Amino acid sequence: MSRIAAHPPKGLMRRAIYALSRRKFEGVLPEPVPVHAHSLPVLVGWGAFEDRMEKTKAIDRKLADLVVLKSAALVGCEWCLDYGSAVVGENGVSDEQI
């Protein structure tokens, strides 16, 4: 559970981002979305970062997943760690590599 209260989906941009996030994550709104939504520039920037990390071809997909997981560990985001661990497992990263 986040230490920062969720921001309500007020405003057209936030509502659109909330809806897109739910669609992407099969009906579940990831915890970081309403937390980042306190600042619209942060929310948009974070979303752009996540989008580019998914689409990057510059580095190996497994390495990119491990970078995201390490970032989640450094900032202490429990949701990010749970979700990221599942994603890296699906992408072929072994427990030893994690």
N, C-alpha and C. Protein backbone atom coordinates (compact mmCIF):
# COMPACT_ATOMS: atom_id res chain seq x y z
N MET A 1 0.83 -1.18 0.00
CA MET A 1 0.00 0.00 0.00
C MET A 1 0.88 1.24 0.00
N SER A 2 0.50 2.22 -0.78
CA SER A 2 1.27 3.44 -0.92
C SER A 2 1.14 4.33 0.31
N ARG A 3 2.21 5.05 0.61
CA ARG A 3 2.17 6.01 1.71
C ARG A 3 1.55 7.33 1.26
N ILE A 4 1.40 7.50 -0.04
CA ILE A 4 0.81 8.72 -0.60
C ILE A 4 -0.61 8.40 -1.04
N ALA A 5 -1.55 9.22 -0.64
CA ALA A 5 -2.95 8.99 -0.99
C ALA A 5 -3.15 9.08 -2.50
N ALA A 6 -4.05 8.27 -3.00
CA ALA A 6 -4.36 8.28 -4.43
C ALA A 6 -5.04 9.59 -4.81
N HIS A 7 -4.72 10.06 -6.00
CA HIS A 7 -5.34 11.27 -6.52
C HIS A 7 -6.58 10.87 -7.31
N PRO A 8 -7.72 11.51 -7.05
CA PRO A 8 -8.93 11.15 -7.80
C PRO A 8 -8.78 11.47 -9.28
N PRO A 9 -9.48 10.74 -10.13
CA PRO A 9 -9.34 10.96 -11.57
C PRO A 9 -10.10 12.21 -12.02
N LYS A 10 -9.61 13.36 -11.62
CA LYS A 10 -10.24 14.63 -11.99
C LYS A 10 -9.54 15.19 -13.22
N GLY A 11 -10.33 15.70 -14.13
CA GLY A 11 -9.78 16.29 -15.35
C GLY A 11 -9.73 15.27 -16.48
N LEU A 12 -9.84 15.78 -17.68
CA LEU A 12 -9.90 14.92 -18.86
C LEU A 12 -8.63 14.08 -19.03
N MET A 13 -7.47 14.70 -18.88
CA MET A 13 -6.21 13.98 -19.09
C MET A 13 -6.04 12.86 -18.08
N ARG A 14 -6.29 13.13 -16.81
CA ARG A 14 -6.15 12.08 -15.79
C ARG A 14 -7.14 10.94 -16.02
N ARG A 15 -8.39 11.29 -16.35
CA ARG A 15 -9.38 10.24 -16.61
C ARG A 15 -8.97 9.37 -17.78
N ALA A 16 -8.42 9.99 -18.82
CA ALA A 16 -7.97 9.23 -19.99
C ALA A 16 -6.81 8.32 -19.63
N ILE A 17 -5.86 8.82 -18.85
CA ILE A 17 -4.70 8.02 -18.45
C ILE A 17 -5.14 6.87 -17.54
N TYR A 18 -6.06 7.13 -16.62
CA TYR A 18 -6.58 6.07 -15.76
C TYR A 18 -7.23 4.98 -16.60
N ALA A 19 -8.04 5.39 -17.59
CA ALA A 19 -8.74 4.41 -18.44
C ALA A 19 -7.75 3.59 -19.26
N LEU A 20 -6.75 4.24 -19.84
CA LEU A 20 -5.74 3.52 -20.63
C LEU A 20 -4.96 2.54 -19.76
N SER A 21 -4.64 2.97 -18.54
CA SER A 21 -3.90 2.10 -17.63
C SER A 21 -4.72 0.87 -17.26
N ARG A 22 -6.00 1.08 -16.98
CA ARG A 22 -6.87 -0.06 -16.65
C ARG A 22 -6.96 -1.03 -17.82
N ARG A 23 -7.07 -0.49 -19.03
CA ARG A 23 -7.16 -1.35 -20.20
C ARG A 23 -5.87 -2.16 -20.38
N LYS A 24 -4.75 -1.49 -20.19
CA LYS A 24 -3.46 -2.17 -20.37
C LYS A 24 -3.24 -3.26 -19.33
N PHE A 25 -3.71 -3.04 -18.11
CA PHE A 25 -3.48 -3.98 -17.02
C PHE A 25 -4.73 -4.80 -16.69
N GLU A 26 -5.51 -5.08 -17.70
CA GLU A 26 -6.66 -5.99 -17.62
C GLU A 26 -7.65 -5.61 -16.52
N GLY A 27 -8.03 -4.34 -16.49
CA GLY A 27 -9.05 -3.89 -15.56
C GLY A 27 -8.56 -3.42 -14.21
N VAL A 28 -7.27 -3.55 -13.96
CA VAL A 28 -6.70 -3.14 -12.67
C VAL A 28 -5.91 -1.85 -12.86
N LEU A 29 -6.17 -0.86 -12.02
CA LEU A 29 -5.41 0.38 -12.07
C LEU A 29 -4.17 0.21 -11.21
N PRO A 30 -2.98 0.23 -11.82
CA PRO A 30 -1.75 0.07 -11.03
C PRO A 30 -1.62 1.17 -9.98
N GLU A 31 -1.18 0.80 -8.81
CA GLU A 31 -1.08 1.74 -7.69
C GLU A 31 -0.26 2.99 -8.01
N PRO A 32 0.83 2.90 -8.78
CA PRO A 32 1.60 4.12 -9.05
C PRO A 32 0.85 5.18 -9.85
N VAL A 33 -0.15 4.79 -10.62
CA VAL A 33 -0.84 5.77 -11.48
C VAL A 33 -1.52 6.86 -10.65
N PRO A 34 -2.42 6.54 -9.71
CA PRO A 34 -3.04 7.62 -8.95
C PRO A 34 -2.08 8.35 -8.02
N VAL A 35 -0.98 7.73 -7.67
CA VAL A 35 0.02 8.42 -6.85
C VAL A 35 0.76 9.45 -7.71
N HIS A 36 1.20 9.05 -8.90
CA HIS A 36 1.87 9.98 -9.80
C HIS A 36 0.92 11.08 -10.28
N ALA A 37 -0.39 10.83 -10.23
CA ALA A 37 -1.38 11.77 -10.75
C ALA A 37 -1.49 13.06 -9.94
N HIS A 38 -0.83 13.13 -8.79
CA HIS A 38 -0.83 14.38 -8.03
C HIS A 38 -0.19 15.49 -8.85
N SER A 39 0.74 15.11 -9.71
CA SER A 39 1.39 16.07 -10.60
C SER A 39 1.23 15.56 -12.03
N LEU A 40 0.46 16.26 -12.83
CA LEU A 40 0.21 15.81 -14.19
C LEU A 40 1.51 15.70 -15.00
N PRO A 41 2.46 16.65 -14.90
CA PRO A 41 3.72 16.47 -15.63
C PRO A 41 4.48 15.21 -15.20
N VAL A 42 4.46 14.89 -13.91
CA VAL A 42 5.12 13.67 -13.43
C VAL A 42 4.41 12.45 -13.98
N LEU A 43 3.08 12.46 -13.96
CA LEU A 43 2.31 11.33 -14.47
C LEU A 43 2.60 11.09 -15.95
N VAL A 44 2.60 12.14 -16.73
CA VAL A 44 2.87 12.02 -18.17
C VAL A 44 4.31 11.57 -18.41
N GLY A 45 5.25 12.15 -17.69
CA GLY A 45 6.66 11.77 -17.84
C GLY A 45 6.91 10.32 -17.45
N TRP A 46 6.32 9.90 -16.35
CA TRP A 46 6.47 8.51 -15.90
C TRP A 46 5.88 7.56 -16.93
N GLY A 47 4.70 7.92 -17.46
CA GLY A 47 4.07 7.09 -18.48
C GLY A 47 4.92 6.99 -19.74
N ALA A 48 5.53 8.10 -20.14
CA ALA A 48 6.40 8.09 -21.31
C ALA A 48 7.62 7.20 -21.07
N PHE A 49 8.19 7.29 -19.86
CA PHE A 49 9.33 6.44 -19.52
C PHE A 49 8.95 4.96 -19.60
N GLU A 50 7.83 4.60 -18.99
CA GLU A 50 7.38 3.21 -19.01
C GLU A 50 7.12 2.73 -20.43
N ASP A 51 6.52 3.58 -21.25
CA ASP A 51 6.23 3.23 -22.64
C ASP A 51 7.52 2.98 -23.42
N ARG A 52 8.51 3.85 -23.24
CA ARG A 52 9.78 3.69 -23.96
C ARG A 52 10.53 2.45 -23.47
N MET A 53 10.46 2.17 -22.18
CA MET A 53 11.14 0.98 -21.67
C MET A 53 10.55 -0.29 -22.28
N GLU A 54 9.24 -0.30 -22.51
CA GLU A 54 8.60 -1.46 -23.13
C GLU A 54 9.00 -1.61 -24.59
N LYS A 55 9.24 -0.51 -25.26
CA LYS A 55 9.50 -0.54 -26.70
C LYS A 55 10.97 -0.49 -27.08
N THR A 56 11.85 -0.36 -26.10
CA THR A 56 13.26 -0.18 -26.41
C THR A 56 13.85 -1.37 -27.15
N LYS A 57 14.68 -1.05 -28.11
CA LYS A 57 15.41 -2.07 -28.86
C LYS A 57 16.92 -1.90 -28.63
N ALA A 58 17.29 -0.83 -27.92
CA ALA A 58 18.70 -0.52 -27.71
C ALA A 58 19.39 -1.52 -26.79
N ILE A 59 18.63 -2.08 -25.85
CA ILE A 59 19.20 -3.07 -24.94
C ILE A 59 18.32 -4.31 -24.91
N ASP A 60 18.89 -5.39 -24.47
CA ASP A 60 18.18 -6.66 -24.37
C ASP A 60 16.94 -6.51 -23.47
N ARG A 61 15.86 -7.13 -23.86
CA ARG A 61 14.59 -7.04 -23.12
C ARG A 61 14.74 -7.50 -21.68
N LYS A 62 15.50 -8.57 -21.46
CA LYS A 62 15.69 -9.07 -20.09
C LYS A 62 16.43 -8.04 -19.24
N LEU A 63 17.45 -7.41 -19.85
CA LEU A 63 18.20 -6.39 -19.12
C LEU A 63 17.31 -5.20 -18.78
N ALA A 64 16.48 -4.78 -19.73
CA ALA A 64 15.56 -3.67 -19.49
C ALA A 64 14.61 -4.00 -18.34
N ASP A 65 14.10 -5.24 -18.33
CA ASP A 65 13.21 -5.66 -17.25
C ASP A 65 13.93 -5.63 -15.90
N LEU A 66 15.17 -6.07 -15.88
CA LEU A 66 15.94 -6.07 -14.64
C LEU A 66 16.22 -4.64 -14.17
N VAL A 67 16.45 -3.72 -15.10
CA VAL A 67 16.66 -2.31 -14.74
C VAL A 67 15.41 -1.74 -14.08
N VAL A 68 14.25 -2.03 -14.66
CA VAL A 68 12.99 -1.54 -14.09
C VAL A 68 12.78 -2.15 -12.70
N LEU A 69 13.07 -3.43 -12.55
CA LEU A 69 12.89 -4.10 -11.26
C LEU A 69 13.85 -3.52 -10.22
N LYS A 70 15.08 -3.24 -10.61
CA LYS A 70 16.05 -2.65 -9.68
C LYS A 70 15.60 -1.25 -9.26
N SER A 71 15.07 -0.49 -10.21
CA SER A 71 14.55 0.85 -9.89
C SER A 71 13.43 0.76 -8.87
N ALA A 72 12.54 -0.21 -9.06
CA ALA A 72 11.44 -0.41 -8.13
C ALA A 72 11.96 -0.75 -6.74
N ALA A 73 13.01 -1.56 -6.69
CA ALA A 73 13.60 -1.93 -5.40
C ALA A 73 14.23 -0.72 -4.72
N LEU A 74 14.90 0.11 -5.50
CA LEU A 74 15.57 1.28 -4.93
C LEU A 74 14.59 2.29 -4.35
N VAL A 75 13.44 2.45 -4.99
CA VAL A 75 12.47 3.41 -4.48
C VAL A 75 11.48 2.78 -3.50
N GLY A 76 11.50 1.45 -3.40
CA GLY A 76 10.64 0.76 -2.44
C GLY A 76 9.18 0.67 -2.83
N CYS A 77 8.91 0.58 -4.12
CA CYS A 77 7.52 0.48 -4.59
C CYS A 77 7.10 -0.98 -4.56
N GLU A 78 6.26 -1.34 -3.59
CA GLU A 78 5.85 -2.74 -3.44
C GLU A 78 5.08 -3.24 -4.65
N TRP A 79 4.16 -2.42 -5.16
CA TRP A 79 3.38 -2.85 -6.33
C TRP A 79 4.31 -3.08 -7.51
N CYS A 80 5.25 -2.16 -7.71
CA CYS A 80 6.19 -2.28 -8.84
C CYS A 80 7.03 -3.55 -8.71
N LEU A 81 7.44 -3.87 -7.50
CA LEU A 81 8.22 -5.08 -7.28
C LEU A 81 7.40 -6.33 -7.57
N ASP A 82 6.16 -6.36 -7.09
CA ASP A 82 5.30 -7.52 -7.33
C ASP A 82 5.03 -7.70 -8.82
N TYR A 83 4.60 -6.63 -9.46
CA TYR A 83 4.27 -6.71 -10.88
C TYR A 83 5.53 -6.97 -11.71
N GLY A 84 6.60 -6.25 -11.39
CA GLY A 84 7.86 -6.41 -12.13
C GLY A 84 8.43 -7.81 -12.01
N SER A 85 8.31 -8.41 -10.85
CA SER A 85 8.80 -9.78 -10.66
C SER A 85 8.03 -10.76 -11.54
N ALA A 86 6.74 -10.54 -11.66
CA ALA A 86 5.93 -11.41 -12.53
C ALA A 86 6.31 -11.22 -13.99
N VAL A 87 6.53 -9.97 -14.39
CA VAL A 87 6.88 -9.68 -15.79
C VAL A 87 8.23 -10.27 -16.15
N VAL A 88 9.23 -10.09 -15.30
CA VAL A 88 10.55 -10.61 -15.64
C VAL A 88 10.54 -12.13 -15.69
N GLY A 89 9.74 -12.75 -14.84
CA GLY A 89 9.61 -14.21 -14.88
C GLY A 89 9.01 -14.68 -16.19
N GLU A 90 8.00 -13.96 -16.68
CA GLU A 90 7.37 -14.31 -17.95
C GLU A 90 8.32 -14.10 -19.12
N ASN A 91 9.25 -13.17 -18.98
CA ASN A 91 10.18 -12.86 -20.07
C ASN A 91 11.46 -13.68 -20.01
N GLY A 92 11.48 -14.70 -19.16
CA GLY A 92 12.59 -15.63 -19.16
C GLY A 92 13.76 -15.30 -18.26
N VAL A 93 13.59 -14.38 -17.32
CA VAL A 93 14.65 -14.06 -16.37
C VAL A 93 14.59 -15.06 -15.23
N SER A 94 15.72 -15.66 -14.92
CA SER A 94 15.75 -16.68 -13.87
C SER A 94 15.80 -16.04 -12.48
N ASP A 95 15.50 -16.84 -11.47
CA ASP A 95 15.56 -16.36 -10.08
C ASP A 95 16.98 -15.93 -9.72
N GLU A 96 17.97 -16.62 -10.26
CA GLU A 96 19.36 -16.27 -9.98
C GLU A 96 19.70 -14.89 -10.53
N GLN A 97 19.17 -14.57 -11.71
CA GLN A 97 19.44 -13.27 -12.31
C GLN A 97 18.76 -12.15 -11.52
N ILE A 98 17.60 -12.45 -10.97
CA ILE A 98 16.89 -11.44 -10.18
C ILE A 98 17.67 -11.20 -8.90
